Amino acid sequence: MKIGEFSKRTGLPVSTLHFYERKGLIAPERSASGHREYDENDLAWIAFIERLKETGMPLAQIRRYADLRAKGGSTLEERMAMLVDHRESIVSTISKWQENLDHLDKKIDYYKSEIEDN
């Protein structure tokens, strides 16, 4: 599929796709005329990139992952290690956020009781 259709299917602007390409995150095939050609595998890859971004993985790490991915199966262990490390970071962040949320809930409950008593 051409970049316009790919943009629509991913929900990402063409400018973002060009940015990802410049950063080495994606490497679409090229037609004989030089136009970018995307397929279903590219859709899945973009979805994974977006998920990594949403979970706070820096672009430099995503780039490293993309480079390893491009090298093939010999990098499976290294890619898995990257994801395990990132997962641990997410779990730690979730724990911190939960603790902060608990403190906010306690403060809100305190204010509610104070307001009700007045």
PDB file of N, CA and C in Angstrom:
ATOM      1  N   MET A   1       0.854  -1.181   0.000  1.00  0.00           N
ATOM      2  CA  MET A   1       0.000   0.000   0.000  1.00  0.00           C
ATOM      3  C   MET A   1       0.891   1.233   0.000  1.00  0.00           C
ATOM      4  N   LYS A   2       0.368   2.287  -0.557  1.00  0.00           N
ATOM      5  CA  LYS A   2       1.098   3.561  -0.634  1.00  0.00           C
ATOM      6  C   LYS A   2       1.033   4.268   0.715  1.00  0.00           C
ATOM      7  N   ILE A   3       1.856   5.287   0.882  1.00  0.00           N
ATOM      8  CA  ILE A   3       1.983   5.967   2.164  1.00  0.00           C
ATOM      9  C   ILE A   3       0.678   6.628   2.618  1.00  0.00           C
ATOM     10  N   GLY A   4      -0.122   7.138   1.704  1.00  0.00           N
ATOM     11  CA  GLY A   4      -1.389   7.769   2.078  1.00  0.00           C
ATOM     12  C   GLY A   4      -2.338   6.782   2.732  1.00  0.00           C
ATOM     13  N   GLU A   5      -2.477   5.612   2.129  1.00  0.00           N
ATOM     14  CA  GLU A   5      -3.343   4.576   2.700  1.00  0.00           C
ATOM     15  C   GLU A   5      -2.759   4.064   4.013  1.00  0.00           C
ATOM     16  N   PHE A   6      -1.439   3.907   4.043  1.00  0.00           N
ATOM     17  CA  PHE A   6      -0.775   3.452   5.267  1.00  0.00           C
ATOM     18  C   PHE A   6      -1.008   4.452   6.398  1.00  0.00           C
ATOM     19  N   SER A   7      -0.931   5.718   6.079  1.00  0.00           N
ATOM     20  CA  SER A   7      -1.187   6.777   7.054  1.00  0.00           C
ATOM     21  C   SER A   7      -2.600   6.660   7.610  1.00  0.00           C
ATOM     22  N   LYS A   8      -3.561   6.468   6.727  1.00  0.00           N
ATOM     23  CA  LYS A   8      -4.959   6.327   7.163  1.00  0.00           C
ATOM     24  C   LYS A   8      -5.134   5.099   8.048  1.00  0.00           C
ATOM     25  N   ARG A   9      -4.537   4.001   7.666  1.00  0.00           N
ATOM     26  CA  ARG A   9      -4.723   2.753   8.418  1.00  0.00           C
ATOM     27  C   ARG A   9      -4.032   2.783   9.770  1.00  0.00           C
ATOM     28  N   THR A  10      -2.925   3.520   9.871  1.00  0.00           N
ATOM     29  CA  THR A  10      -2.215   3.591  11.147  1.00  0.00           C
ATOM     30  C   THR A  10      -2.720   4.734  12.011  1.00  0.00           C
ATOM     31  N   GLY A  11      -3.380   5.707  11.384  1.00  0.00           N
ATOM     32  CA  GLY A  11      -3.813   6.885  12.125  1.00  0.00           C
ATOM     33  C   GLY A  11      -2.685   7.874  12.364  1.00  0.00           C
ATOM     34  N   LEU A  12      -1.562   7.659  11.713  1.00  0.00           N
ATOM     35  CA  LEU A  12      -0.405   8.542  11.862  1.00  0.00           C
ATOM     36  C   LEU A  12      -0.270   9.436  10.639  1.00  0.00           C
ATOM     37  N   PRO A  13       0.070  10.707  10.859  1.00  0.00           N
ATOM     38  CA  PRO A  13       0.275  11.581   9.702  1.00  0.00           C
ATOM     39  C   PRO A  13       1.478  11.135   8.874  1.00  0.00           C
ATOM     40  N   VAL A  14       1.446  11.468   7.610  1.00  0.00           N
ATOM     41  CA  VAL A  14       2.560  11.145   6.713  1.00  0.00           C
ATOM     42  C   VAL A  14       3.861  11.730   7.269  1.00  0.00           C
ATOM     43  N   SER A  15       3.780  12.913   7.854  1.00  0.00           N
ATOM     44  CA  SER A  15       4.997  13.546   8.406  1.00  0.00           C
ATOM     45  C   SER A  15       5.611  12.678   9.514  1.00  0.00           C
ATOM     46  N   THR A  16       4.782  12.038  10.317  1.00  0.00           N
ATOM     47  CA  THR A  16       5.296  11.153  11.371  1.00  0.00           C
ATOM     48  C   THR A  16       5.954   9.929  10.756  1.00  0.00           C
ATOM     49  N   LEU A  17       5.342   9.390   9.716  1.00  0.00           N
ATOM     50  CA  LEU A  17       5.939   8.235   9.038  1.00  0.00           C
ATOM     51  C   LEU A  17       7.288   8.602   8.437  1.00  0.00           C
ATOM     52  N   HIS A  18       7.382   9.784   7.849  1.00  0.00           N
ATOM     53  CA  HIS A  18       8.671  10.240   7.311  1.00  0.00           C
ATOM     54  C   HIS A  18       9.691  10.408   8.442  1.00  0.00           C
ATOM     55  N   PHE A  19       9.248  10.956   9.564  1.00  0.00           N
ATOM     56  CA  PHE A  19      10.127  11.129  10.724  1.00  0.00           C
ATOM     57  C   PHE A  19      10.640   9.771  11.197  1.00  0.00           C
ATOM     58  N   TYR A  20       9.737   8.805  11.328  1.00  0.00           N
ATOM     59  CA  TYR A  20      10.136   7.466  11.757  1.00  0.00           C
ATOM     60  C   TYR A  20      11.152   6.867  10.779  1.00  0.00           C
ATOM     61  N   GLU A  21      10.950   7.116   9.512  1.00  0.00           N
ATOM     62  CA  GLU A  21      11.883   6.598   8.511  1.00  0.00           C
ATOM     63  C   GLU A  21      13.254   7.268   8.658  1.00  0.00           C
ATOM     64  N   ARG A  22      13.263   8.590   8.842  1.00  0.00           N
ATOM     65  CA  ARG A  22      14.535   9.307   9.029  1.00  0.00           C
ATOM     66  C   ARG A  22      15.267   8.833  10.276  1.00  0.00           C
ATOM     67  N   LYS A  23      14.518   8.482  11.325  1.00  0.00           N
ATOM     68  CA  LYS A  23      15.111   8.011  12.579  1.00  0.00           C
ATOM     69  C   LYS A  23      15.506   6.536  12.530  1.00  0.00           C
ATOM     70  N   GLY A  24      15.172   5.871  11.444  1.00  0.00           N
ATOM     71  CA  GLY A  24      15.544   4.468  11.298  1.00  0.00           C
ATOM     72  C   GLY A  24      14.609   3.489  11.984  1.00  0.00           C
ATOM     73  N   LEU A  25      13.408   3.956  12.329  1.00  0.00           N
ATOM     74  CA  LEU A  25      12.449   3.068  12.993  1.00  0.00           C
ATOM     75  C   LEU A  25      11.702   2.199  11.997  1.00  0.00           C
ATOM     76  N   ILE A  26      11.493   2.721  10.796  1.00  0.00           N
ATOM     77  CA  ILE A  26      10.838   1.950   9.742  1.00  0.00           C
ATOM     78  C   ILE A  26      11.680   2.059   8.472  1.00  0.00           C
ATOM     79  N   ALA A  27      11.583   1.046   7.660  1.00  0.00           N
ATOM     80  CA  ALA A  27      12.316   1.013   6.393  1.00  0.00           C
ATOM     81  C   ALA A  27      11.421   0.378   5.343  1.00  0.00           C
ATOM     82  N   PRO A  28      10.472   1.157   4.819  1.00  0.00           N
ATOM     83  CA  PRO A  28       9.547   0.567   3.843  1.00  0.00           C
ATOM     84  C   PRO A  28      10.263   0.140   2.565  1.00  0.00           C
ATOM     85  N   GLU A  29       9.692  -0.875   1.951  1.00  0.00           N
ATOM     86  CA  GLU A  29      10.181  -1.289   0.630  1.00  0.00           C
ATOM     87  C   GLU A  29       9.912  -0.147  -0.349  1.00  0.00           C
ATOM     88  N   ARG A  30      10.619  -0.170  -1.453  1.00  0.00           N
ATOM     89  CA  ARG A  30      10.413   0.830  -2.500  1.00  0.00           C
ATOM     90  C   ARG A  30      10.005   0.128  -3.786  1.00  0.00           C
ATOM     91  N   SER A  31       9.059   0.760  -4.482  1.00  0.00           N
ATOM     92  CA  SER A  31       8.649   0.231  -5.785  1.00  0.00           C
ATOM     93  C   SER A  31       9.737   0.557  -6.802  1.00  0.00           C
ATOM     94  N   ALA A  32       9.578   0.021  -8.010  1.00  0.00           N
ATOM     95  CA  ALA A  32      10.544   0.298  -9.074  1.00  0.00           C
ATOM     96  C   ALA A  32      10.649   1.793  -9.353  1.00  0.00           C
ATOM     97  N   SER A  33       9.556   2.514  -9.128  1.00  0.00           N
ATOM     98  CA  SER A  33       9.560   3.959  -9.365  1.00  0.00           C
ATOM     99  C   SER A  33      10.021   4.747  -8.138  1.00  0.00           C
ATOM    100  N   GLY A  34      10.384   4.022  -7.055  1.00  0.00           N
ATOM    101  CA  GLY A  34      10.913   4.686  -5.872  1.00  0.00           C
ATOM    102  C   GLY A  34       9.884   5.049  -4.811  1.00  0.00           C
ATOM    103  N   HIS A  35       8.610   4.720  -5.054  1.00  0.00           N
ATOM    104  CA  HIS A  35       7.571   5.024  -4.070  1.00  0.00           C
ATOM    105  C   HIS A  35       7.606   4.020  -2.913  1.00  0.00           C
ATOM    106  N   ARG A  36       7.315   4.517  -1.732  1.00  0.00           N
ATOM    107  CA  ARG A  36       7.266   3.651  -0.561  1.00  0.00           C
ATOM    108  C   ARG A  36       6.102   2.667  -0.706  1.00  0.00           C
ATOM    109  N   GLU A  37       6.356   1.430  -0.312  1.00  0.00           N
ATOM    110  CA  GLU A  37       5.339   0.384  -0.346  1.00  0.00           C
ATOM    111  C   GLU A  37       5.295  -0.275   1.028  1.00  0.00           C
ATOM    112  N   TYR A  38       4.116  -0.270   1.629  1.00  0.00           N
ATOM    113  CA  TYR A  38       3.924  -0.850   2.951  1.00  0.00           C
ATOM    114  C   TYR A  38       3.036  -2.080   2.841  1.00  0.00           C
ATOM    115  N   ASP A  39       3.171  -2.983   3.818  1.00  0.00           N
ATOM    116  CA  ASP A  39       2.323  -4.173   3.841  1.00  0.00           C
ATOM    117  C   ASP A  39       1.800  -4.402   5.260  1.00  0.00           C
ATOM    118  N   GLU A  40       1.129  -5.520   5.456  1.00  0.00           N
ATOM    119  CA  GLU A  40       0.522  -5.835   6.751  1.00  0.00           C
ATOM    120  C   GLU A  40       1.569  -5.950   7.859  1.00  0.00           C
ATOM    121  N   ASN A  41       2.740  -6.466   7.535  1.00  0.00           N
ATOM    122  CA  ASN A  41       3.811  -6.557   8.537  1.00  0.00           C
ATOM    123  C   ASN A  41       4.213  -5.164   9.024  1.00  0.00           C
ATOM    124  N   ASP A  42       4.223  -4.198   8.108  1.00  0.00           N
ATOM    125  CA  ASP A  42       4.552  -2.822   8.492  1.00  0.00           C
ATOM    126  C   ASP A  42       3.482  -2.250   9.421  1.00  0.00           C
ATOM    127  N   LEU A  43       2.225  -2.607   9.191  1.00  0.00           N
ATOM    128  CA  LEU A  43       1.146  -2.158  10.081  1.00  0.00           C
ATOM    129  C   LEU A  43       1.362  -2.685  11.497  1.00  0.00           C
ATOM    130  N   ALA A  44       1.701  -3.962  11.598  1.00  0.00           N
ATOM    131  CA  ALA A  44       1.938  -4.561  12.913  1.00  0.00           C
ATOM    132  C   ALA A  44       3.151  -3.922  13.583  1.00  0.00           C
ATOM    133  N   TRP A  45       4.183  -3.651  12.814  1.00  0.00           N
ATOM    134  CA  TRP A  45       5.396  -3.043  13.356  1.00  0.00           C
ATOM    135  C   TRP A  45       5.116  -1.629  13.865  1.00  0.00           C
ATOM    136  N   ILE A  46       4.388  -0.848  13.103  1.00  0.00           N
ATOM    137  CA  ILE A  46       4.033   0.519  13.538  1.00  0.00           C
ATOM    138  C   ILE A  46       3.199   0.460  14.811  1.00  0.00           C
ATOM    139  N   ALA A  47       2.275  -0.475  14.890  1.00  0.00           N
ATOM    140  CA  ALA A  47       1.453  -0.612  16.094  1.00  0.00           C
ATOM    141  C   ALA A  47       2.341  -0.916  17.301  1.00  0.00           C
ATOM    142  N   PHE A  48       3.350  -1.746  17.110  1.00  0.00           N
ATOM    143  CA  PHE A  48       4.260  -2.083  18.198  1.00  0.00           C
ATOM    144  C   PHE A  48       5.109  -0.870  18.586  1.00  0.00           C
ATOM    145  N   ILE A  49       5.593  -0.139  17.601  1.00  0.00           N
ATOM    146  CA  ILE A  49       6.351   1.092  17.883  1.00  0.00           C
ATOM    147  C   ILE A  49       5.507   2.043  18.717  1.00  0.00           C
ATOM    148  N   GLU A  50       4.267   2.238  18.328  1.00  0.00           N
ATOM    149  CA  GLU A  50       3.381   3.149  19.050  1.00  0.00           C
ATOM    150  C   GLU A  50       3.145   2.657  20.481  1.00  0.00           C
ATOM    151  N   ARG A  51       3.013   1.364  20.654  1.00  0.00           N
ATOM    152  CA  ARG A  51       2.821   0.820  22.003  1.00  0.00           C
ATOM    153  C   ARG A  51       4.065   1.056  22.854  1.00  0.00           C
ATOM    154  N   LEU A  52       5.234   0.844  22.277  1.00  0.00           N
ATOM    155  CA  LEU A  52       6.468   1.111  23.019  1.00  0.00           C
ATOM    156  C   LEU A  52       6.555   2.583  23.407  1.00  0.00           C
ATOM    157  N   LYS A  53       6.204   3.463  22.488  1.00  0.00           N
ATOM    158  CA  LYS A  53       6.207   4.894  22.795  1.00  0.00           C
ATOM    159  C   LYS A  53       5.230   5.217  23.915  1.00  0.00           C
ATOM    160  N   GLU A  54       4.028   4.654  23.843  1.00  0.00           N
ATOM    161  CA  GLU A  54       3.004   4.909  24.857  1.00  0.00           C
ATOM    162  C   GLU A  54       3.438   4.433  26.234  1.00  0.00           C
ATOM    163  N   THR A  55       4.289   3.426  26.274  1.00  0.00           N
ATOM    164  CA  THR A  55       4.766   2.919  27.557  1.00  0.00           C
ATOM    165  C   THR A  55       6.054   3.596  28.003  1.00  0.00           C
ATOM    166  N   GLY A  56       6.459   4.618  27.280  1.00  0.00           N
ATOM    167  CA  GLY A  56       7.590   5.434  27.714  1.00  0.00           C
ATOM    168  C   GLY A  56       8.954   5.022  27.226  1.00  0.00           C
ATOM    169  N   MET A  57       9.027   4.091  26.292  1.00  0.00           N
ATOM    170  CA  MET A  57      10.346   3.723  25.776  1.00  0.00           C
ATOM    171  C   MET A  57      10.867   4.872  24.904  1.00  0.00           C
ATOM    172  N   PRO A  58      12.080   5.337  25.187  1.00  0.00           N
ATOM    173  CA  PRO A  58      12.647   6.423  24.376  1.00  0.00           C
ATOM    174  C   PRO A  58      12.882   5.993  22.924  1.00  0.00           C
ATOM    175  N   LEU A  59      12.821   6.966  22.019  1.00  0.00           N
ATOM    176  CA  LEU A  59      13.028   6.661  20.596  1.00  0.00           C
ATOM    177  C   LEU A  59      14.380   6.015  20.345  1.00  0.00           C
ATOM    178  N   ALA A  60      15.399   6.407  21.090  1.00  0.00           N
ATOM    179  CA  ALA A  60      16.726   5.809  20.893  1.00  0.00           C
ATOM    180  C   ALA A  60      16.687   4.301  21.169  1.00  0.00           C
ATOM    181  N   GLN A  61      15.948   3.885  22.191  1.00  0.00           N
ATOM    182  CA  GLN A  61      15.826   2.459  22.485  1.00  0.00           C
ATOM    183  C   GLN A  61      14.975   1.761  21.426  1.00  0.00           C
ATOM    184  N   ILE A  62      13.924   2.432  20.980  1.00  0.00           N
ATOM    185  CA  ILE A  62      13.095   1.845  19.926  1.00  0.00           C
ATOM    186  C   ILE A  62      13.942   1.669  18.667  1.00  0.00           C
ATOM    187  N   ARG A  63      14.793   2.640  18.394  1.00  0.00           N
ATOM    188  CA  ARG A  63      15.703   2.552  17.240  1.00  0.00           C
ATOM    189  C   ARG A  63      16.624   1.352  17.396  1.00  0.00           C
ATOM    190  N   ARG A  64      17.176   1.166  18.603  1.00  0.00           N
ATOM    191  CA  ARG A  64      18.051   0.012  18.855  1.00  0.00           C
ATOM    192  C   ARG A  64      17.286  -1.288  18.618  1.00  0.00           C
ATOM    193  N   TYR A  65      16.055  -1.343  19.107  1.00  0.00           N
ATOM    194  CA  TYR A  65      15.222  -2.519  18.911  1.00  0.00           C
ATOM    195  C   TYR A  65      14.980  -2.740  17.413  1.00  0.00           C
ATOM    196  N   ALA A  66      14.674  -1.666  16.685  1.00  0.00           N
ATOM    197  CA  ALA A  66      14.430  -1.765  15.242  1.00  0.00           C
ATOM    198  C   ALA A  66      15.668  -2.280  14.514  1.00  0.00           C
ATOM    199  N   ASP A  67      16.841  -1.787  14.918  1.00  0.00           N
ATOM    200  CA  ASP A  67      18.086  -2.252  14.303  1.00  0.00           C
ATOM    201  C   ASP A  67      18.281  -3.748  14.539  1.00  0.00           C
ATOM    202  N   LEU A  68      18.018  -4.184  15.760  1.00  0.00           N
ATOM    203  CA  LEU A  68      18.157  -5.605  16.083  1.00  0.00           C
ATOM    204  C   LEU A  68      17.144  -6.430  15.297  1.00  0.00           C
ATOM    205  N   ARG A  69      15.926  -5.926  15.222  1.00  0.00           N
ATOM    206  CA  ARG A  69      14.857  -6.615  14.489  1.00  0.00           C
ATOM    207  C   ARG A  69      15.257  -6.818  13.033  1.00  0.00           C
ATOM    208  N   ALA A  70      15.867  -5.812  12.455  1.00  0.00           N
ATOM    209  CA  ALA A  70      16.286  -5.882  11.051  1.00  0.00           C
ATOM    210  C   ALA A  70      17.375  -6.930  10.833  1.00  0.00           C
ATOM    211  N   LYS A  71      18.118  -7.235  11.875  1.00  0.00           N
ATOM    212  CA  LYS A  71      19.190  -8.233  11.763  1.00  0.00           C
ATOM    213  C   LYS A  71      18.669  -9.666  11.823  1.00  0.00           C
ATOM    214  N   GLY A  72      17.420  -9.827  12.256  1.00  0.00           N
ATOM    215  CA  GLY A  72      16.818 -11.150  12.216  1.00  0.00           C
ATOM    216  C   GLY A  72      16.896 -11.944  13.504  1.00  0.00           C
ATOM    217  N   GLY A  73      16.680 -13.244  13.349  1.00  0.00           N
ATOM    218  CA  GLY A  73      16.539 -14.159  14.468  1.00  0.00           C
ATOM    219  C   GLY A  73      17.728 -14.256  15.398  1.00  0.00           C
ATOM    220  N   SER A  74      18.896 -13.930  14.923  1.00  0.00           N
ATOM    221  CA  SER A  74      20.074 -14.023  15.790  1.00  0.00           C
ATOM    222  C   SER A  74      20.029 -13.017  16.936  1.00  0.00           C
ATOM    223  N   THR A  75      19.111 -12.072  16.893  1.00  0.00           N
ATOM    224  CA  THR A  75      19.011 -11.036  17.921  1.00  0.00           C
ATOM    225  C   THR A  75      17.826 -11.241  18.859  1.00  0.00           C
ATOM    226  N   LEU A  76      17.171 -12.381  18.779  1.00  0.00           N
ATOM    227  CA  LEU A  76      15.975 -12.617  19.587  1.00  0.00           C
ATOM    228  C   LEU A  76      16.241 -12.452  21.083  1.00  0.00           C
ATOM    229  N   GLU A  77      17.328 -13.003  21.576  1.00  0.00           N
ATOM    230  CA  GLU A  77      17.608 -12.915  23.007  1.00  0.00           C
ATOM    231  C   GLU A  77      17.827 -11.469  23.437  1.00  0.00           C
ATOM    232  N   GLU A  78      18.538 -10.707  22.636  1.00  0.00           N
ATOM    233  CA  GLU A  78      18.797  -9.312  22.980  1.00  0.00           C
ATOM    234  C   GLU A  78      17.509  -8.490  22.949  1.00  0.00           C
ATOM    235  N   ARG A  79      16.674  -8.755  21.946  1.00  0.00           N
ATOM    236  CA  ARG A  79      15.390  -8.046  21.879  1.00  0.00           C
ATOM    237  C   ARG A  79      14.511  -8.408  23.072  1.00  0.00           C
ATOM    238  N   MET A  80      14.481  -9.686  23.415  1.00  0.00           N
ATOM    239  CA  MET A  80      13.688 -10.092  24.562  1.00  0.00           C
ATOM    240  C   MET A  80      14.212  -9.415  25.831  1.00  0.00           C
ATOM    241  N   ALA A  81      15.522  -9.341  25.999  1.00  0.00           N
ATOM    242  CA  ALA A  81      16.104  -8.695  27.176  1.00  0.00           C
ATOM    243  C   ALA A  81      15.694  -7.226  27.241  1.00  0.00           C
ATOM    244  N   MET A  82      15.684  -6.567  26.096  1.00  0.00           N
ATOM    245  CA  MET A  82      15.247  -5.167  26.068  1.00  0.00           C
ATOM    246  C   MET A  82      13.806  -5.043  26.545  1.00  0.00           C
ATOM    247  N   LEU A  83      12.954  -5.933  26.069  1.00  0.00           N
ATOM    248  CA  LEU A  83      11.541  -5.881  26.442  1.00  0.00           C
ATOM    249  C   LEU A  83      11.338  -6.239  27.914  1.00  0.00           C
ATOM    250  N   VAL A  84      12.099  -7.184  28.408  1.00  0.00           N
ATOM    251  CA  VAL A  84      12.005  -7.543  29.832  1.00  0.00           C
ATOM    252  C   VAL A  84      12.412  -6.349  30.688  1.00  0.00           C
ATOM    253  N   ASP A  85      13.507  -5.690  30.326  1.00  0.00           N
ATOM    254  CA  ASP A  85      13.945  -4.496  31.065  1.00  0.00           C
ATOM    255  C   ASP A  85      12.885  -3.405  31.019  1.00  0.00           C
ATOM    256  N   HIS A  86      12.323  -3.207  29.854  1.00  0.00           N
ATOM    257  CA  HIS A  86      11.299  -2.167  29.716  1.00  0.00           C
ATOM    258  C   HIS A  86      10.060  -2.527  30.527  1.00  0.00           C
ATOM    259  N   ARG A  87       9.704  -3.787  30.523  1.00  0.00           N
ATOM    260  CA  ARG A  87       8.554  -4.244  31.314  1.00  0.00           C
ATOM    261  C   ARG A  87       8.778  -3.957  32.791  1.00  0.00           C
ATOM    262  N   GLU A  88       9.980  -4.258  33.280  1.00  0.00           N
ATOM    263  CA  GLU A  88      10.296  -3.993  34.686  1.00  0.00           C
ATOM    264  C   GLU A  88      10.176  -2.507  35.002  1.00  0.00           C
ATOM    265  N   SER A  89      10.594  -1.677  34.082  1.00  0.00           N
ATOM    266  CA  SER A  89      10.468  -0.231  34.260  1.00  0.00           C
ATOM    267  C   SER A  89       9.000   0.181  34.331  1.00  0.00           C
ATOM    268  N   ILE A  90       8.181  -0.406  33.476  1.00  0.00           N
ATOM    269  CA  ILE A  90       6.743  -0.098  33.480  1.00  0.00           C
ATOM    270  C   ILE A  90       6.107  -0.534  34.796  1.00  0.00           C
ATOM    271  N   VAL A  91       6.442  -1.734  35.255  1.00  0.00           N
ATOM    272  CA  VAL A  91       5.889  -2.226  36.524  1.00  0.00           C
ATOM    273  C   VAL A  91       6.270  -1.294  37.663  1.00  0.00           C
ATOM    274  N   SER A  92       7.511  -0.845  37.681  1.00  0.00           N
ATOM    275  CA  SER A  92       7.958   0.094  38.719  1.00  0.00           C
ATOM    276  C   SER A  92       7.185   1.405  38.643  1.00  0.00           C
ATOM    277  N   THR A  93       6.990   1.908  37.442  1.00  0.00           N
ATOM    278  CA  THR A  93       6.241   3.150  37.252  1.00  0.00           C
ATOM    279  C   THR A  93       4.800   2.988  37.704  1.00  0.00           C
ATOM    280  N   ILE A  94       4.183   1.882  37.345  1.00  0.00           N
ATOM    281  CA  ILE A  94       2.801   1.623  37.760  1.00  0.00           C
ATOM    282  C   ILE A  94       2.718   1.603  39.285  1.00  0.00           C
ATOM    283  N   SER A  95       3.672   0.960  39.924  1.00  0.00           N
ATOM    284  CA  SER A  95       3.688   0.887  41.386  1.00  0.00           C
ATOM    285  C   SER A  95       3.779   2.286  41.999  1.00  0.00           C
ATOM    286  N   LYS A  96       4.657   3.121  41.444  1.00  0.00           N
ATOM    287  CA  LYS A  96       4.794   4.493  41.942  1.00  0.00           C
ATOM    288  C   LYS A  96       3.509   5.281  41.734  1.00  0.00           C
ATOM    289  N   TRP A  97       2.909   5.140  40.569  1.00  0.00           N
ATOM    290  CA  TRP A  97       1.649   5.834  40.292  1.00  0.00           C
ATOM    291  C   TRP A  97       0.541   5.357  41.224  1.00  0.00           C
ATOM    292  N   GLN A  98       0.501   4.045  41.500  1.00  0.00           N
ATOM    293  CA  GLN A  98      -0.521   3.518  42.400  1.00  0.00           C
ATOM    294  C   GLN A  98      -0.335   4.080  43.805  1.00  0.00           C
ATOM    295  N   GLU A  99       0.901   4.152  44.247  1.00  0.00           N
ATOM    296  CA  GLU A  99       1.182   4.726  45.563  1.00  0.00           C
ATOM    297  C   GLU A  99       0.748   6.192  45.617  1.00  0.00           C
ATOM    298  N   ASN A 100       1.063   6.940  44.585  1.00  0.00           N
ATOM    299  CA  ASN A 100       0.647   8.345  44.525  1.00  0.00           C
ATOM    300  C   ASN A 100      -0.872   8.477  44.486  1.00  0.00           C
ATOM    301  N   LEU A 101      -1.522   7.610  43.747  1.00  0.00           N
ATOM    302  CA  LEU A 101      -2.977   7.624  43.676  1.00  0.00           C
ATOM    303  C   LEU A 101      -3.590   7.327  45.044  1.00  0.00           C
ATOM    304  N   ASP A 102      -3.016   6.364  45.739  1.00  0.00           N
ATOM    305  CA  ASP A 102      -3.499   6.042  47.080  1.00  0.00           C
ATOM    306  C   ASP A 102      -3.384   7.249  48.012  1.00  0.00           C
ATOM    307  N   HIS A 103      -2.275   7.973  47.932  1.00  0.00           N
ATOM    308  CA  HIS A 103      -2.094   9.168  48.766  1.00  0.00           C
ATOM    309  C   HIS A 103      -3.106  10.252  48.398  1.00  0.00           C
ATOM    310  N   LEU A 104      -3.354  10.425  47.121  1.00  0.00           N
ATOM    311  CA  LEU A 104      -4.366  11.398  46.704  1.00  0.00           C
ATOM    312  C   LEU A 104      -5.746  11.012  47.210  1.00  0.00           C
ATOM    313  N   ASP A 105      -6.075   9.728  47.108  1.00  0.00           N
ATOM    314  CA  ASP A 105      -7.385   9.268  47.598  1.00  0.00           C
ATOM    315  C   ASP A 105      -7.536   9.543  49.097  1.00  0.00           C
ATOM    316  N   LYS A 106      -6.464   9.311  49.852  1.00  0.00           N
ATOM    317  CA  LYS A 106      -6.515   9.585  51.294  1.00  0.00           C
ATOM    318  C   LYS A 106      -6.738  11.071  51.560  1.00  0.00           C
ATOM    319  N   LYS A 107      -6.058  11.909  50.803  1.00  0.00           N
ATOM    320  CA  LYS A 107      -6.213  13.353  50.980  1.00  0.00           C
ATOM    321  C   LYS A 107      -7.622  13.790  50.596  1.00  0.00           C
ATOM    322  N   ILE A 108      -8.146  13.241  49.519  1.00  0.00           N
ATOM    323  CA  ILE A 108      -9.522  13.559  49.101  1.00  0.00           C
ATOM    324  C   ILE A 108     -10.504  13.115  50.175  1.00  0.00           C
ATOM    325  N   ASP A 109     -10.309  11.915  50.710  1.00  0.00           N
ATOM    326  CA  ASP A 109     -11.184  11.432  51.785  1.00  0.00           C
ATOM    327  C   ASP A 109     -11.110  12.349  53.004  1.00  0.00           C
ATOM    328  N   TYR A 110      -9.911  12.803  53.322  1.00  0.00           N
ATOM    329  CA  TYR A 110      -9.744  13.735  54.435  1.00  0.00           C
ATOM    330  C   TYR A 110     -10.564  15.001  54.198  1.00  0.00           C
ATOM    331  N   TYR A 111     -10.430  15.582  53.005  1.00  0.00           N
ATOM    332  CA  TYR A 111     -11.183  16.802  52.697  1.00  0.00           C
ATOM    333  C   TYR A 111     -12.678  16.564  52.735  1.00  0.00           C
ATOM    334  N   LYS A 112     -13.112  15.438  52.234  1.00  0.00           N
ATOM    335  CA  LYS A 112     -14.555  15.116  52.264  1.00  0.00           C
ATOM    336  C   LYS A 112     -15.057  15.083  53.703  1.00  0.00           C
ATOM    337  N   SER A 113     -14.295  14.420  54.582  1.00  0.00           N
ATOM    338  CA  SER A 113     -14.739  14.323  55.986  1.00  0.00           C
ATOM    339  C   SER A 113     -14.713  15.693  56.655  1.00  0.00           C
ATOM    340  N   GLU A 114     -13.738  16.517  56.327  1.00  0.00           N
ATOM    341  CA  GLU A 114     -13.656  17.858  56.901  1.00  0.00           C
ATOM    342  C   GLU A 114     -14.840  18.719  56.433  1.00  0.00           C
ATOM    343  N   ILE A 115     -15.165  18.600  55.176  1.00  0.00           N
ATOM    344  CA  ILE A 115     -16.277  19.381  54.619  1.00  0.00           C
ATOM    345  C   ILE A 115     -17.592  18.925  55.230  1.00  0.00           C
ATOM    346  N   GLU A 116     -17.767  17.621  55.375  1.00  0.00           N
ATOM    347  CA  GLU A 116     -18.998  17.084  55.957  1.00  0.00           C
ATOM    348  C   GLU A 116     -19.158  17.488  57.428  1.00  0.00           C
ATOM    349  N   ASP A 117     -18.027  17.597  58.139  1.00  0.00           N
ATOM    350  CA  ASP A 117     -18.067  17.973  59.553  1.00  0.00           C
ATOM    351  C   ASP A 117     -18.382  19.459  59.759  1.00  0.00           C
ATOM    352  N   ASN A 118     -18.163  20.255  58.727  1.00  0.00           N
ATOM    353  CA  ASN A 118     -18.403  21.710  58.845  1.00  0.00           C
ATOM    354  C   ASN A 118     -19.760  22.086  58.417  1.00  0.00           C
TER     355      ASN A 118
END
